[in-house]
Amino acid sequence: MTEQGWTHEQLADGAWAVSGQIDFSVSATFRAFMRALVAGARSDLRFDLGRLSYLDSSGLAVLLEARRLLAARGLKLTVAAVTPQVGKLFALTQVGPLFGLAGEGE
């Protein structure tokens, strides 16, 4: 993990894996990363959050903003996997279905 608290890598299937922790202290760098991805996107973006141990509301706001920006261009942002903590946040805020997650918190 870097000093920013989170890392990312593009997987062989084209999805992006995000690991570590995203909270208010690093949400600006996460937002910059997401905005760059969205700006360059020519197709839907998929994320694997199965190694993201912590996400707070500021990180969730970044994901929602990226989803909104993509939707304005007819593209989607989907999430393939979540950790229990991230799943709980998605369930509490009822945003899982917005990202293609049917069984939030599982």
C-alpha atoms as a PDB file:
ATOM      1  CA  MET A   1       0.000   0.000   0.000  1.00  0.00           C
ATOM      2  CA  THR A   2       1.202   3.505  -0.700  1.00  0.00           C
ATOM      3  CA  GLU A   3       1.249   6.461   1.649  1.00  0.00           C
ATOM      4  CA  GLN A   4      -2.119   7.456   0.213  1.00  0.00           C
ATOM      5  CA  GLY A   5      -3.710   4.419   1.886  1.00  0.00           C
ATOM      6  CA  TRP A   6      -5.035   2.727  -1.227  1.00  0.00           C
ATOM      7  CA  THR A   7      -3.751   1.237  -4.445  1.00  0.00           C
ATOM      8  CA  HIS A   8      -5.237   0.314  -7.784  1.00  0.00           C
ATOM      9  CA  GLU A   9      -4.418  -2.042 -10.594  1.00  0.00           C
ATOM     10  CA  GLN A  10      -6.042  -2.954 -13.855  1.00  0.00           C
ATOM     11  CA  LEU A  11      -6.908  -6.647 -13.995  1.00  0.00           C
ATOM     12  CA  ALA A  12      -6.537  -8.903 -17.022  1.00  0.00           C
ATOM     13  CA  ASP A  13     -10.300  -8.744 -17.673  1.00  0.00           C
ATOM     14  CA  GLY A  14     -10.188  -4.941 -17.824  1.00  0.00           C
ATOM     15  CA  ALA A  15     -11.727  -4.356 -14.405  1.00  0.00           C
ATOM     16  CA  TRP A  16      -9.985  -2.146 -11.869  1.00  0.00           C
ATOM     17  CA  ALA A  17      -9.072  -3.578  -8.458  1.00  0.00           C
ATOM     18  CA  VAL A  18      -8.882  -1.118  -5.578  1.00  0.00           C
ATOM     19  CA  SER A  19      -7.165  -2.188  -2.340  1.00  0.00           C
ATOM     20  CA  GLY A  20      -6.501  -0.633   1.045  1.00  0.00           C
ATOM     21  CA  GLN A  21      -8.519   2.072   2.738  1.00  0.00           C
ATOM     22  CA  ILE A  22     -10.312   5.112   1.359  1.00  0.00           C
ATOM     23  CA  ASP A  23     -11.432   7.760   3.819  1.00  0.00           C
ATOM     24  CA  PHE A  24     -11.675  11.548   3.897  1.00  0.00           C
ATOM     25  CA  SER A  25      -7.893  11.939   4.227  1.00  0.00           C
ATOM     26  CA  VAL A  26      -7.297  10.307   0.817  1.00  0.00           C
ATOM     27  CA  SER A  27     -10.577  10.944  -0.973  1.00  0.00           C
ATOM     28  CA  ALA A  28      -9.084  13.811  -3.019  1.00  0.00           C
ATOM     29  CA  THR A  29      -6.479  11.510  -4.587  1.00  0.00           C
ATOM     30  CA  PHE A  30      -9.129   8.845  -5.148  1.00  0.00           C
ATOM     31  CA  ARG A  31     -11.371  11.461  -6.801  1.00  0.00           C
ATOM     32  CA  ALA A  32      -8.523  12.555  -9.096  1.00  0.00           C
ATOM     33  CA  PHE A  33      -7.892   8.931 -10.097  1.00  0.00           C
ATOM     34  CA  MET A  34     -11.585   8.304 -10.760  1.00  0.00           C
ATOM     35  CA  ARG A  35     -12.038  11.528 -12.736  1.00  0.00           C
ATOM     36  CA  ALA A  36      -9.092  10.595 -14.959  1.00  0.00           C
ATOM     37  CA  LEU A  37     -10.561   7.130 -15.548  1.00  0.00           C
ATOM     38  CA  VAL A  38     -13.988   8.549 -16.341  1.00  0.00           C
ATOM     39  CA  ALA A  39     -12.548  11.168 -18.693  1.00  0.00           C
ATOM     40  CA  GLY A  40     -10.732   8.500 -20.680  1.00  0.00           C
ATOM     41  CA  ALA A  41     -13.470   5.870 -20.594  1.00  0.00           C
ATOM     42  CA  ARG A  42     -14.748   4.626 -23.934  1.00  0.00           C
ATOM     43  CA  SER A  43     -16.764   1.808 -22.370  1.00  0.00           C
ATOM     44  CA  ASP A  44     -18.300   0.816 -19.038  1.00  0.00           C
ATOM     45  CA  LEU A  45     -15.988   0.734 -16.010  1.00  0.00           C
ATOM     46  CA  ARG A  46     -15.922  -2.280 -13.678  1.00  0.00           C
ATOM     47  CA  PHE A  47     -14.423  -2.327 -10.206  1.00  0.00           C
ATOM     48  CA  ASP A  48     -13.403  -5.137  -7.884  1.00  0.00           C
ATOM     49  CA  LEU A  49     -13.506  -3.807  -4.321  1.00  0.00           C
ATOM     50  CA  GLY A  50     -12.897  -7.233  -2.800  1.00  0.00           C
ATOM     51  CA  ARG A  51      -9.603  -6.052  -1.310  1.00  0.00           C
ATOM     52  CA  LEU A  52     -10.795  -2.622  -0.156  1.00  0.00           C
ATOM     53  CA  SER A  53     -10.803  -3.002   3.618  1.00  0.00           C
ATOM     54  CA  TYR A  54     -12.413   0.361   4.384  1.00  0.00           C
ATOM     55  CA  LEU A  55     -14.543   2.897   2.529  1.00  0.00           C
ATOM     56  CA  ASP A  56     -16.238   5.869   4.177  1.00  0.00           C
ATOM     57  CA  SER A  57     -18.911   8.230   2.918  1.00  0.00           C
ATOM     58  CA  SER A  58     -16.397  10.493   1.177  1.00  0.00           C
ATOM     59  CA  GLY A  59     -15.103   7.546  -0.873  1.00  0.00           C
ATOM     60  CA  LEU A  60     -18.650   6.460  -1.613  1.00  0.00           C
ATOM     61  CA  ALA A  61     -19.415   9.993  -2.810  1.00  0.00           C
ATOM     62  CA  VAL A  62     -16.521   9.690  -5.288  1.00  0.00           C
ATOM     63  CA  LEU A  63     -17.947   6.433  -6.656  1.00  0.00           C
ATOM     64  CA  LEU A  64     -21.403   8.000  -6.977  1.00  0.00           C
ATOM     65  CA  GLU A  65     -19.954  11.046  -8.746  1.00  0.00           C
ATOM     66  CA  ALA A  66     -18.060   8.825 -11.205  1.00  0.00           C
ATOM     67  CA  ARG A  67     -21.236   6.818 -11.821  1.00  0.00           C
ATOM     68  CA  ARG A  68     -23.185  10.014 -12.533  1.00  0.00           C
ATOM     69  CA  LEU A  69     -20.533  11.359 -14.917  1.00  0.00           C
ATOM     70  CA  LEU A  70     -20.410   8.058 -16.812  1.00  0.00           C
ATOM     71  CA  ALA A  71     -24.212   7.822 -16.963  1.00  0.00           C
ATOM     72  CA  ALA A  72     -24.331  11.259 -18.589  1.00  0.00           C
ATOM     73  CA  ARG A  73     -22.283   9.710 -21.410  1.00  0.00           C
ATOM     74  CA  GLY A  74     -24.386   6.536 -21.589  1.00  0.00           C
ATOM     75  CA  LEU A  75     -21.816   4.414 -19.724  1.00  0.00           C
ATOM     76  CA  LYS A  76     -22.007   2.411 -16.497  1.00  0.00           C
ATOM     77  CA  LEU A  77     -19.869   1.905 -13.407  1.00  0.00           C
ATOM     78  CA  THR A  78     -20.355  -1.520 -11.863  1.00  0.00           C
ATOM     79  CA  VAL A  79     -18.827  -3.200  -8.834  1.00  0.00           C
ATOM     80  CA  ALA A  80     -18.041  -6.905  -9.000  1.00  0.00           C
ATOM     81  CA  ALA A  81     -17.005  -7.646  -5.407  1.00  0.00           C
ATOM     82  CA  VAL A  82     -16.978  -5.953  -2.020  1.00  0.00           C
ATOM     83  CA  THR A  83     -15.516  -6.683   1.394  1.00  0.00           C
ATOM     84  CA  PRO A  84     -17.907  -7.024   4.358  1.00  0.00           C
ATOM     85  CA  GLN A  85     -17.302  -3.426   5.502  1.00  0.00           C
ATOM     86  CA  VAL A  86     -17.852  -1.972   2.050  1.00  0.00           C
ATOM     87  CA  GLY A  87     -20.877  -4.213   1.548  1.00  0.00           C
ATOM     88  CA  LYS A  88     -22.338  -2.967   4.819  1.00  0.00           C
ATOM     89  CA  LEU A  89     -21.883   0.660   3.738  1.00  0.00           C
ATOM     90  CA  PHE A  90     -23.530  -0.079   0.380  1.00  0.00           C
ATOM     91  CA  ALA A  91     -26.417  -1.816   2.177  1.00  0.00           C
ATOM     92  CA  LEU A  92     -26.911   0.969   4.746  1.00  0.00           C
ATOM     93  CA  THR A  93     -26.969   3.612   2.043  1.00  0.00           C
ATOM     94  CA  GLN A  94     -28.976   1.403  -0.349  1.00  0.00           C
ATOM     95  CA  VAL A  95     -26.657   2.138  -3.289  1.00  0.00           C
ATOM     96  CA  GLY A  96     -25.657  -1.444  -4.124  1.00  0.00           C
ATOM     97  CA  PRO A  97     -28.194  -1.806  -6.949  1.00  0.00           C
ATOM     98  CA  LEU A  98     -26.856   1.401  -8.546  1.00  0.00           C
ATOM     99  CA  PHE A  99     -23.549  -0.417  -8.996  1.00  0.00           C
ATOM    100  CA  GLY A 100     -25.032  -3.735 -10.120  1.00  0.00           C
ATOM    101  CA  LEU A 101     -24.878  -5.426  -6.711  1.00  0.00           C
ATOM    102  CA  ALA A 102     -27.972  -7.444  -5.922  1.00  0.00           C
ATOM    103  CA  GLY A 103     -26.911  -9.029  -2.619  1.00  0.00           C
ATOM    104  CA  GLU A 104     -25.432  -6.099  -0.747  1.00  0.00           C
ATOM    105  CA  GLY A 105     -23.471  -6.896   2.361  1.00  0.00           C
ATOM    106  CA  GLU A 106     -23.094 -10.567   1.492  1.00  0.00           C
END
